[in-house]
N, C-alpha and C. Protein backbone atom coordinates (compact mmCIF):
# COMPACT_ATOMS: atom_id res chain seq x y z
N MET A 1 0.76 -13.27 -19.71
CA MET A 1 0.91 -14.04 -18.49
C MET A 1 0.07 -13.40 -17.39
N THR A 2 -0.72 -14.19 -16.70
CA THR A 2 -1.55 -13.72 -15.60
C THR A 2 -0.72 -13.58 -14.34
N LYS A 3 -0.89 -12.45 -13.68
CA LYS A 3 -0.18 -12.24 -12.43
C LYS A 3 -1.03 -12.81 -11.30
N SER A 4 -0.39 -13.45 -10.35
CA SER A 4 -1.11 -14.20 -9.31
C SER A 4 -1.92 -13.34 -8.34
N LEU A 5 -1.60 -12.07 -8.21
CA LEU A 5 -2.31 -11.23 -7.24
C LEU A 5 -3.19 -10.16 -7.88
N THR A 6 -3.43 -10.27 -9.17
CA THR A 6 -4.29 -9.30 -9.86
C THR A 6 -5.66 -9.26 -9.19
N GLY A 7 -6.12 -8.04 -8.90
CA GLY A 7 -7.43 -7.86 -8.27
C GLY A 7 -7.40 -7.91 -6.75
N LYS A 8 -6.26 -8.19 -6.17
CA LYS A 8 -6.11 -8.24 -4.71
C LYS A 8 -5.54 -6.91 -4.22
N VAL A 9 -5.74 -6.64 -2.93
CA VAL A 9 -5.19 -5.44 -2.30
C VAL A 9 -4.29 -5.87 -1.16
N ALA A 10 -3.10 -5.29 -1.12
CA ALA A 10 -2.14 -5.59 -0.06
C ALA A 10 -1.87 -4.32 0.74
N LEU A 11 -1.77 -4.46 2.04
CA LEU A 11 -1.39 -3.36 2.93
C LEU A 11 -0.04 -3.70 3.52
N VAL A 12 0.95 -2.85 3.25
CA VAL A 12 2.32 -3.08 3.72
C VAL A 12 2.67 -2.01 4.74
N THR A 13 2.95 -2.44 5.96
CA THR A 13 3.38 -1.48 6.98
C THR A 13 4.85 -1.19 6.78
N GLY A 14 5.22 0.06 7.03
CA GLY A 14 6.61 0.46 6.83
C GLY A 14 7.02 0.39 5.37
N GLY A 15 6.09 0.69 4.49
CA GLY A 15 6.32 0.52 3.06
C GLY A 15 7.11 1.61 2.38
N SER A 16 7.59 2.59 3.12
CA SER A 16 8.31 3.68 2.48
C SER A 16 9.80 3.43 2.33
N ARG A 17 10.31 2.35 2.95
CA ARG A 17 11.75 2.10 2.85
C ARG A 17 12.06 0.65 3.20
N GLY A 18 13.27 0.26 2.91
CA GLY A 18 13.79 -1.05 3.32
C GLY A 18 12.95 -2.23 2.88
N ILE A 19 12.79 -3.17 3.80
CA ILE A 19 12.07 -4.41 3.51
C ILE A 19 10.61 -4.13 3.14
N GLY A 20 10.00 -3.15 3.79
CA GLY A 20 8.61 -2.81 3.48
C GLY A 20 8.45 -2.35 2.04
N ALA A 21 9.34 -1.47 1.58
CA ALA A 21 9.28 -0.99 0.20
C ALA A 21 9.55 -2.14 -0.77
N ALA A 22 10.51 -3.00 -0.45
CA ALA A 22 10.81 -4.14 -1.30
C ALA A 22 9.60 -5.08 -1.39
N SER A 23 8.91 -5.28 -0.27
CA SER A 23 7.71 -6.12 -0.26
C SER A 23 6.61 -5.50 -1.11
N ALA A 24 6.43 -4.19 -0.99
CA ALA A 24 5.41 -3.49 -1.78
C ALA A 24 5.71 -3.65 -3.27
N ARG A 25 6.97 -3.51 -3.65
CA ARG A 25 7.36 -3.67 -5.06
C ARG A 25 7.08 -5.09 -5.55
N ALA A 26 7.42 -6.07 -4.73
CA ALA A 26 7.20 -7.47 -5.12
C ALA A 26 5.71 -7.77 -5.29
N LEU A 27 4.89 -7.24 -4.40
CA LEU A 27 3.45 -7.44 -4.51
C LEU A 27 2.91 -6.78 -5.77
N ALA A 28 3.38 -5.58 -6.06
CA ALA A 28 2.95 -4.88 -7.28
C ALA A 28 3.39 -5.64 -8.52
N ASP A 29 4.58 -6.22 -8.48
CA ASP A 29 5.06 -7.02 -9.61
C ASP A 29 4.13 -8.19 -9.91
N GLU A 30 3.45 -8.69 -8.87
CA GLU A 30 2.51 -9.80 -9.04
C GLU A 30 1.08 -9.32 -9.30
N GLY A 31 0.90 -8.00 -9.45
CA GLY A 31 -0.39 -7.46 -9.84
C GLY A 31 -1.26 -6.91 -8.73
N ALA A 32 -0.81 -6.96 -7.48
CA ALA A 32 -1.62 -6.46 -6.36
C ALA A 32 -1.64 -4.94 -6.35
N ASN A 33 -2.79 -4.38 -6.02
CA ASN A 33 -2.86 -2.96 -5.68
C ASN A 33 -2.30 -2.85 -4.27
N VAL A 34 -1.55 -1.79 -3.99
CA VAL A 34 -0.80 -1.75 -2.74
C VAL A 34 -1.04 -0.45 -1.98
N ALA A 35 -1.36 -0.59 -0.70
CA ALA A 35 -1.41 0.54 0.23
C ALA A 35 -0.22 0.38 1.16
N ILE A 36 0.50 1.48 1.38
CA ILE A 36 1.63 1.42 2.30
C ILE A 36 1.41 2.41 3.42
N SER A 37 1.94 2.07 4.58
CA SER A 37 1.91 3.03 5.70
C SER A 37 3.33 3.48 5.98
N TYR A 38 3.42 4.69 6.52
CA TYR A 38 4.71 5.27 6.88
C TYR A 38 4.50 6.10 8.13
N VAL A 39 5.60 6.45 8.81
CA VAL A 39 5.49 7.27 10.01
C VAL A 39 6.04 8.67 9.76
N ALA A 40 7.25 8.76 9.23
CA ALA A 40 7.92 10.06 9.22
C ALA A 40 8.46 10.53 7.87
N SER A 41 8.25 9.78 6.82
CA SER A 41 8.86 10.16 5.54
C SER A 41 7.83 10.21 4.41
N PRO A 42 6.98 11.25 4.40
CA PRO A 42 5.97 11.29 3.34
C PRO A 42 6.57 11.35 1.94
N GLU A 43 7.72 12.01 1.79
CA GLU A 43 8.35 12.10 0.48
C GLU A 43 8.80 10.72 -0.01
N LYS A 44 9.40 9.95 0.89
CA LYS A 44 9.83 8.59 0.52
C LYS A 44 8.62 7.72 0.20
N ALA A 45 7.57 7.86 0.99
CA ALA A 45 6.36 7.07 0.75
C ALA A 45 5.76 7.40 -0.61
N GLU A 46 5.67 8.67 -0.94
CA GLU A 46 5.10 9.06 -2.23
C GLU A 46 5.98 8.61 -3.38
N ALA A 47 7.29 8.59 -3.18
CA ALA A 47 8.19 8.09 -4.22
C ALA A 47 7.92 6.61 -4.49
N VAL A 48 7.71 5.83 -3.43
CA VAL A 48 7.39 4.41 -3.59
C VAL A 48 6.04 4.26 -4.28
N VAL A 49 5.07 5.07 -3.88
CA VAL A 49 3.74 5.01 -4.51
C VAL A 49 3.85 5.25 -6.01
N GLU A 50 4.61 6.26 -6.40
CA GLU A 50 4.77 6.56 -7.83
C GLU A 50 5.45 5.39 -8.56
N GLU A 51 6.41 4.79 -7.91
CA GLU A 51 7.09 3.63 -8.49
C GLU A 51 6.12 2.46 -8.69
N LEU A 52 5.25 2.25 -7.70
CA LEU A 52 4.26 1.17 -7.80
C LEU A 52 3.26 1.46 -8.91
N LYS A 53 2.80 2.69 -8.98
CA LYS A 53 1.84 3.06 -10.03
C LYS A 53 2.44 2.86 -11.42
N ALA A 54 3.73 3.10 -11.55
CA ALA A 54 4.41 2.91 -12.83
C ALA A 54 4.40 1.44 -13.26
N LYS A 55 4.17 0.55 -12.30
CA LYS A 55 4.08 -0.88 -12.60
C LYS A 55 2.67 -1.26 -13.07
N GLY A 56 1.76 -0.28 -13.09
CA GLY A 56 0.41 -0.53 -13.58
C GLY A 56 -0.61 -0.92 -12.53
N VAL A 57 -0.29 -0.70 -11.26
CA VAL A 57 -1.24 -1.01 -10.18
C VAL A 57 -1.67 0.28 -9.49
N LYS A 58 -2.70 0.18 -8.70
CA LYS A 58 -3.12 1.31 -7.87
C LYS A 58 -2.30 1.27 -6.60
N ALA A 59 -1.94 2.45 -6.10
CA ALA A 59 -1.13 2.51 -4.88
C ALA A 59 -1.47 3.79 -4.12
N ARG A 60 -1.32 3.71 -2.81
CA ARG A 60 -1.61 4.85 -1.96
C ARG A 60 -0.80 4.74 -0.67
N ALA A 61 -0.41 5.88 -0.11
CA ALA A 61 0.34 5.91 1.15
C ALA A 61 -0.53 6.53 2.24
N PHE A 62 -0.40 6.00 3.45
CA PHE A 62 -1.12 6.49 4.62
C PHE A 62 -0.12 6.71 5.74
N ARG A 63 -0.24 7.84 6.42
CA ARG A 63 0.60 8.07 7.59
C ARG A 63 -0.06 7.35 8.76
N ALA A 64 0.65 6.42 9.36
CA ALA A 64 0.12 5.67 10.50
C ALA A 64 1.26 5.01 11.25
N ASP A 65 1.34 5.33 12.53
CA ASP A 65 2.33 4.71 13.40
C ASP A 65 1.75 3.38 13.88
N GLN A 66 2.34 2.28 13.47
CA GLN A 66 1.81 0.96 13.80
C GLN A 66 1.91 0.65 15.29
N ALA A 67 2.70 1.42 16.03
CA ALA A 67 2.79 1.23 17.48
C ALA A 67 1.61 1.88 18.20
N ASN A 68 0.82 2.68 17.49
CA ASN A 68 -0.33 3.36 18.04
C ASN A 68 -1.59 2.68 17.49
N ALA A 69 -2.34 2.03 18.34
CA ALA A 69 -3.51 1.25 17.90
C ALA A 69 -4.51 2.08 17.10
N ARG A 70 -4.75 3.29 17.52
CA ARG A 70 -5.72 4.14 16.82
C ARG A 70 -5.22 4.47 15.41
N GLU A 71 -3.95 4.84 15.30
CA GLU A 71 -3.40 5.16 13.98
C GLU A 71 -3.29 3.92 13.10
N ALA A 72 -3.00 2.79 13.70
CA ALA A 72 -2.82 1.55 12.93
C ALA A 72 -4.12 1.14 12.24
N ARG A 73 -5.26 1.51 12.78
CA ARG A 73 -6.55 1.17 12.17
C ARG A 73 -6.83 2.01 10.93
N HIS A 74 -6.28 3.21 10.85
CA HIS A 74 -6.61 4.14 9.77
C HIS A 74 -6.41 3.58 8.36
N PRO A 75 -5.24 3.03 8.02
CA PRO A 75 -5.08 2.51 6.65
C PRO A 75 -6.05 1.38 6.32
N ARG A 76 -6.28 0.49 7.26
CA ARG A 76 -7.22 -0.61 7.01
C ARG A 76 -8.63 -0.07 6.77
N GLN A 77 -9.03 0.91 7.58
CA GLN A 77 -10.37 1.48 7.43
C GLN A 77 -10.52 2.19 6.09
N GLN A 78 -9.50 2.94 5.70
CA GLN A 78 -9.55 3.65 4.42
C GLN A 78 -9.62 2.67 3.25
N CYS A 79 -8.84 1.62 3.29
CA CYS A 79 -8.87 0.61 2.23
C CYS A 79 -10.25 -0.04 2.16
N ARG A 80 -10.79 -0.38 3.32
CA ARG A 80 -12.11 -1.01 3.38
C ARG A 80 -13.18 -0.09 2.81
N ARG A 81 -13.15 1.20 3.17
CA ARG A 81 -14.14 2.16 2.66
C ARG A 81 -14.06 2.29 1.15
N ARG A 82 -12.86 2.38 0.62
CA ARG A 82 -12.69 2.51 -0.83
C ARG A 82 -13.24 1.27 -1.54
N ARG A 83 -12.99 0.10 -1.00
CA ARG A 83 -13.50 -1.13 -1.62
C ARG A 83 -15.02 -1.18 -1.55
N GLN A 84 -15.60 -0.74 -0.44
CA GLN A 84 -17.06 -0.76 -0.30
C GLN A 84 -17.70 0.20 -1.29
N ARG A 85 -17.08 1.35 -1.52
CA ARG A 85 -17.61 2.30 -2.50
C ARG A 85 -17.59 1.73 -3.91
N ARG A 86 -16.66 0.83 -4.16
CA ARG A 86 -16.55 0.21 -5.48
C ARG A 86 -17.42 -1.05 -5.58
N GLY A 87 -18.10 -1.38 -4.50
CA GLY A 87 -18.98 -2.54 -4.53
C GLY A 87 -18.30 -3.88 -4.37
N ARG A 88 -17.14 -3.90 -3.72
CA ARG A 88 -16.43 -5.17 -3.53
C ARG A 88 -16.56 -5.64 -2.11
């Protein structure tokens, strides 16, 4: 069965817990590679990343406070750079 988001990349803010983590899991279940941002819980974020990777997708966590415009740009920029290096 083909997953609807295979080959896509999703960025989930607040992905280390609660609704954000649930959203990241749902996206991974559909085949999306997932980047999550977190503010204060790197251990929780890495636990979610490992869970996502176990689903067979690529995943990464970025520390970024979405209330801070400069920090909020960081995950998007990192995702964009990685995709450009891969020629996408």
